[in-house]
Amino acid sequence: MKIDRDLVAKVARLAALELSPAEEAELSGQLTRIVEHFEALRAVPEDLLAGAPEAPATPLRADTPADGSPGRRVESNAPEFAHGHFVVPRVVSRD
């Protein structure tokens, strides 16, 4: 599967990124190579994978509730704090 510059430009626009035409071309080539590697992995016969060892189970921690509030000391140092949240200027806009 080839990832063309139009797709890169569309995704960049959706992600609110500004890419130059050179960056779009470079990313298009890099993403195409990544997808080609995954397509090559699909071509590996499953019988070659039959002897692969099972991955060990992921150890889990106890799911115990904890107070997630930052505390009064952090609140007092914040430039602005309201209703249990830090107040910050808006950084994302849809212009």
N, C-alpha and C. Protein backbone atom coordinates (compact mmCIF):
# COMPACT_ATOMS: atom_id res chain seq x y z
N MET A 1 0.85 -1.18 0.00
CA MET A 1 0.00 0.00 0.00
C MET A 1 0.89 1.23 0.00
N LYS A 2 0.61 2.14 -0.89
CA LYS A 2 1.38 3.38 -0.98
C LYS A 2 0.62 4.49 -0.28
N ILE A 3 1.33 5.21 0.54
CA ILE A 3 0.76 6.38 1.21
C ILE A 3 1.21 7.60 0.42
N ASP A 4 0.27 8.26 -0.22
CA ASP A 4 0.63 9.39 -1.07
C ASP A 4 0.61 10.71 -0.29
N ARG A 5 1.09 11.75 -0.95
CA ARG A 5 1.18 13.06 -0.31
C ARG A 5 -0.19 13.61 0.05
N ASP A 6 -1.21 13.27 -0.74
CA ASP A 6 -2.56 13.76 -0.44
C ASP A 6 -3.04 13.23 0.90
N LEU A 7 -2.78 11.94 1.17
CA LEU A 7 -3.20 11.36 2.45
C LEU A 7 -2.42 11.99 3.61
N VAL A 8 -1.13 12.19 3.41
CA VAL A 8 -0.31 12.83 4.45
C VAL A 8 -0.82 14.25 4.71
N ALA A 9 -1.15 14.98 3.65
CA ALA A 9 -1.65 16.35 3.80
C ALA A 9 -2.99 16.36 4.53
N LYS A 10 -3.86 15.39 4.21
CA LYS A 10 -5.17 15.32 4.87
C LYS A 10 -5.02 15.04 6.36
N VAL A 11 -4.17 14.07 6.71
CA VAL A 11 -3.96 13.73 8.12
C VAL A 11 -3.30 14.90 8.85
N ALA A 12 -2.37 15.56 8.20
CA ALA A 12 -1.72 16.73 8.82
C ALA A 12 -2.74 17.83 9.08
N ARG A 13 -3.65 18.05 8.14
CA ARG A 13 -4.68 19.07 8.32
C ARG A 13 -5.60 18.70 9.48
N LEU A 14 -5.99 17.42 9.57
CA LEU A 14 -6.85 16.97 10.67
C LEU A 14 -6.15 17.10 12.01
N ALA A 15 -4.82 16.92 12.02
CA ALA A 15 -4.04 17.02 13.26
C ALA A 15 -3.57 18.44 13.52
N ALA A 16 -4.01 19.38 12.70
CA ALA A 16 -3.63 20.79 12.83
C ALA A 16 -2.13 20.97 12.77
N LEU A 17 -1.48 20.24 11.83
CA LEU A 17 -0.04 20.38 11.62
C LEU A 17 0.20 21.12 10.32
N GLU A 18 1.23 21.93 10.30
CA GLU A 18 1.62 22.62 9.08
C GLU A 18 2.88 21.95 8.54
N LEU A 19 2.76 21.30 7.39
CA LEU A 19 3.89 20.62 6.77
C LEU A 19 4.21 21.28 5.44
N SER A 20 5.49 21.40 5.16
CA SER A 20 5.90 21.91 3.86
C SER A 20 5.74 20.79 2.84
N PRO A 21 5.71 21.11 1.55
CA PRO A 21 5.63 20.06 0.54
C PRO A 21 6.78 19.05 0.64
N ALA A 22 7.96 19.52 1.02
CA ALA A 22 9.11 18.61 1.17
C ALA A 22 8.86 17.64 2.34
N GLU A 23 8.31 18.16 3.44
CA GLU A 23 8.01 17.29 4.58
C GLU A 23 6.92 16.29 4.24
N GLU A 24 5.91 16.71 3.48
CA GLU A 24 4.86 15.79 3.05
C GLU A 24 5.45 14.66 2.22
N ALA A 25 6.34 15.00 1.30
CA ALA A 25 6.96 13.98 0.45
C ALA A 25 7.81 13.02 1.28
N GLU A 26 8.57 13.56 2.21
CA GLU A 26 9.42 12.72 3.05
C GLU A 26 8.58 11.79 3.92
N LEU A 27 7.54 12.32 4.56
CA LEU A 27 6.67 11.48 5.39
C LEU A 27 5.94 10.44 4.57
N SER A 28 5.55 10.80 3.36
CA SER A 28 4.88 9.85 2.49
C SER A 28 5.77 8.63 2.23
N GLY A 29 7.03 8.88 1.93
CA GLY A 29 7.98 7.78 1.71
C GLY A 29 8.22 6.96 2.95
N GLN A 30 8.40 7.62 4.09
CA GLN A 30 8.65 6.91 5.35
C GLN A 30 7.46 6.05 5.76
N LEU A 31 6.26 6.61 5.68
CA LEU A 31 5.07 5.86 6.06
C LEU A 31 4.81 4.69 5.11
N THR A 32 5.09 4.89 3.83
CA THR A 32 4.93 3.79 2.87
C THR A 32 5.86 2.63 3.22
N ARG A 33 7.11 2.93 3.59
CA ARG A 33 8.06 1.87 3.96
C ARG A 33 7.60 1.14 5.22
N ILE A 34 7.05 1.87 6.19
CA ILE A 34 6.57 1.24 7.42
C ILE A 34 5.42 0.29 7.10
N VAL A 35 4.48 0.74 6.30
CA VAL A 35 3.33 -0.12 5.94
C VAL A 35 3.81 -1.34 5.15
N GLU A 36 4.78 -1.16 4.28
CA GLU A 36 5.31 -2.30 3.51
C GLU A 36 5.96 -3.33 4.42
N HIS A 37 6.61 -2.90 5.50
CA HIS A 37 7.20 -3.86 6.45
C HIS A 37 6.10 -4.69 7.11
N PHE A 38 5.01 -4.04 7.51
CA PHE A 38 3.90 -4.79 8.12
C PHE A 38 3.26 -5.75 7.12
N GLU A 39 3.16 -5.33 5.87
CA GLU A 39 2.60 -6.22 4.85
C GLU A 39 3.52 -7.42 4.64
N ALA A 40 4.82 -7.22 4.73
CA ALA A 40 5.76 -8.33 4.59
C ALA A 40 5.61 -9.31 5.76
N LEU A 41 5.33 -8.82 6.95
CA LEU A 41 5.13 -9.70 8.11
C LEU A 41 3.89 -10.57 7.93
N ARG A 42 2.87 -10.05 7.26
CA ARG A 42 1.67 -10.85 7.00
C ARG A 42 1.97 -12.05 6.11
N ALA A 43 3.02 -11.94 5.30
CA ALA A 43 3.35 -13.01 4.36
C ALA A 43 4.09 -14.17 5.03
N VAL A 44 4.50 -14.01 6.28
CA VAL A 44 5.20 -15.09 6.99
C VAL A 44 4.21 -16.22 7.27
N PRO A 45 4.53 -17.46 6.83
CA PRO A 45 3.61 -18.58 7.08
C PRO A 45 3.45 -18.83 8.58
N GLU A 46 2.21 -19.13 8.98
CA GLU A 46 1.93 -19.32 10.40
C GLU A 46 2.62 -20.56 10.96
N ASP A 47 2.91 -21.56 10.13
CA ASP A 47 3.57 -22.76 10.65
C ASP A 47 4.99 -22.45 11.12
N LEU A 48 5.59 -21.38 10.64
CA LEU A 48 6.91 -20.97 11.12
C LEU A 48 6.81 -20.37 12.52
N LEU A 49 5.63 -19.89 12.88
CA LEU A 49 5.45 -19.27 14.18
C LEU A 49 4.94 -20.24 15.24
N ALA A 50 4.67 -21.49 14.85
CA ALA A 50 4.07 -22.45 15.77
C ALA A 50 4.97 -22.75 16.97
N GLY A 51 6.26 -22.75 16.82
CA GLY A 51 7.17 -23.08 17.91
C GLY A 51 7.56 -21.89 18.76
N ALA A 52 7.01 -20.74 18.47
CA ALA A 52 7.37 -19.54 19.22
C ALA A 52 6.86 -19.64 20.66
N PRO A 53 7.67 -19.26 21.63
CA PRO A 53 7.23 -19.35 23.03
C PRO A 53 6.13 -18.32 23.33
N GLU A 54 5.29 -18.67 24.27
CA GLU A 54 4.24 -17.75 24.70
C GLU A 54 4.87 -16.61 25.49
N ALA A 55 4.34 -15.44 25.32
CA ALA A 55 4.82 -14.29 26.10
C ALA A 55 4.33 -14.43 27.53
N PRO A 56 5.17 -14.06 28.50
CA PRO A 56 4.72 -14.14 29.89
C PRO A 56 3.58 -13.15 30.14
N ALA A 57 2.74 -13.50 31.09
CA ALA A 57 1.62 -12.62 31.42
C ALA A 57 2.13 -11.31 32.01
N THR A 58 1.44 -10.26 31.72
CA THR A 58 1.80 -8.96 32.24
C THR A 58 1.41 -8.88 33.72
N PRO A 59 2.37 -8.57 34.59
CA PRO A 59 2.00 -8.46 36.01
C PRO A 59 1.09 -7.25 36.22
N LEU A 60 0.07 -7.45 37.03
CA LEU A 60 -0.88 -6.38 37.29
C LEU A 60 -0.74 -5.89 38.72
N ARG A 61 -0.97 -4.62 38.92
CA ARG A 61 -0.95 -4.06 40.26
C ARG A 61 -2.36 -4.11 40.82
N ALA A 62 -2.46 -4.00 42.10
CA ALA A 62 -3.77 -3.98 42.74
C ALA A 62 -4.51 -2.71 42.34
N ASP A 63 -5.77 -2.84 42.07
CA ASP A 63 -6.59 -1.70 41.67
C ASP A 63 -7.25 -1.11 42.91
N THR A 64 -6.50 -0.25 43.58
CA THR A 64 -7.01 0.35 44.81
C THR A 64 -7.27 1.84 44.57
N PRO A 65 -8.39 2.36 45.05
CA PRO A 65 -8.69 3.78 44.84
C PRO A 65 -7.71 4.66 45.62
N ALA A 66 -7.41 5.81 45.05
CA ALA A 66 -6.52 6.76 45.71
C ALA A 66 -7.04 8.17 45.44
N ASP A 67 -6.73 9.07 46.32
CA ASP A 67 -7.13 10.46 46.15
C ASP A 67 -6.24 11.07 45.08
N GLY A 68 -6.83 11.53 44.01
CA GLY A 68 -6.06 12.08 42.90
C GLY A 68 -5.95 13.59 42.91
N SER A 69 -6.42 14.22 43.95
CA SER A 69 -6.36 15.68 43.98
C SER A 69 -4.91 16.14 44.18
N PRO A 70 -4.54 17.26 43.57
CA PRO A 70 -3.16 17.72 43.68
C PRO A 70 -2.79 18.25 45.05
N GLY A 71 -3.74 18.59 45.86
CA GLY A 71 -3.43 19.10 47.20
C GLY A 71 -3.42 20.61 47.26
N ARG A 72 -3.60 21.13 48.46
CA ARG A 72 -3.69 22.58 48.65
C ARG A 72 -2.39 23.30 48.31
N ARG A 73 -1.26 22.67 48.53
CA ARG A 73 0.02 23.34 48.27
C ARG A 73 0.18 23.62 46.78
N VAL A 74 -0.17 22.64 45.95
CA VAL A 74 -0.08 22.83 44.51
C VAL A 74 -1.09 23.88 44.06
N GLU A 75 -2.29 23.82 44.61
CA GLU A 75 -3.32 24.79 44.26
C GLU A 75 -2.87 26.21 44.58
N SER A 76 -2.22 26.41 45.70
CA SER A 76 -1.80 27.76 46.09
C SER A 76 -0.68 28.29 45.20
N ASN A 77 0.09 27.41 44.57
CA ASN A 77 1.17 27.84 43.68
C ASN A 77 0.71 28.04 42.24
N ALA A 78 -0.49 27.57 41.91
CA ALA A 78 -0.99 27.70 40.54
C ALA A 78 -1.38 29.14 40.27
N PRO A 79 -1.10 29.65 39.06
CA PRO A 79 -1.52 31.01 38.73
C PRO A 79 -3.04 31.17 38.82
N GLU A 80 -3.76 30.13 38.39
CA GLU A 80 -5.22 30.18 38.49
C GLU A 80 -5.73 28.75 38.67
N PHE A 81 -6.62 28.57 39.62
CA PHE A 81 -7.15 27.24 39.94
C PHE A 81 -8.64 27.41 40.24
N ALA A 82 -9.49 26.64 39.55
CA ALA A 82 -10.93 26.78 39.75
C ALA A 82 -11.61 25.42 39.66
N HIS A 83 -12.49 25.15 40.59
CA HIS A 83 -13.31 23.94 40.60
C HIS A 83 -12.46 22.67 40.54
N GLY A 84 -11.32 22.68 41.21
CA GLY A 84 -10.46 21.50 41.26
C GLY A 84 -9.59 21.30 40.03
N HIS A 85 -9.47 22.33 39.20
CA HIS A 85 -8.68 22.21 37.96
C HIS A 85 -7.77 23.41 37.78
N PHE A 86 -6.63 23.20 37.10
CA PHE A 86 -5.77 24.29 36.71
C PHE A 86 -6.43 25.02 35.54
N VAL A 87 -6.42 26.32 35.55
CA VAL A 87 -6.95 27.12 34.45
C VAL A 87 -5.78 27.57 33.60
N VAL A 88 -5.81 27.20 32.32
CA VAL A 88 -4.73 27.53 31.41
C VAL A 88 -5.32 28.20 30.16
N PRO A 89 -4.51 28.96 29.41
CA PRO A 89 -5.02 29.55 28.18
C PRO A 89 -5.28 28.47 27.14
N ARG A 90 -6.25 28.73 26.28
CA ARG A 90 -6.58 27.79 25.22
C ARG A 90 -5.40 27.69 24.24
N VAL A 91 -4.99 26.47 23.91
CA VAL A 91 -3.83 26.28 23.04
C VAL A 91 -4.20 25.71 21.68
N VAL A 92 -5.40 25.19 21.54
CA VAL A 92 -5.84 24.61 20.28
C VAL A 92 -7.02 25.40 19.78
N SER A 93 -6.97 25.78 18.52
CA SER A 93 -8.09 26.51 17.95
C SER A 93 -8.40 25.93 16.58
N ARG A 94 -9.57 26.14 16.11
CA ARG A 94 -10.01 25.66 14.80
C ARG A 94 -10.22 26.87 13.88
N ASP A 95 -9.12 27.48 13.46
CA ASP A 95 -9.23 28.66 12.59
C ASP A 95 -9.40 28.27 11.15
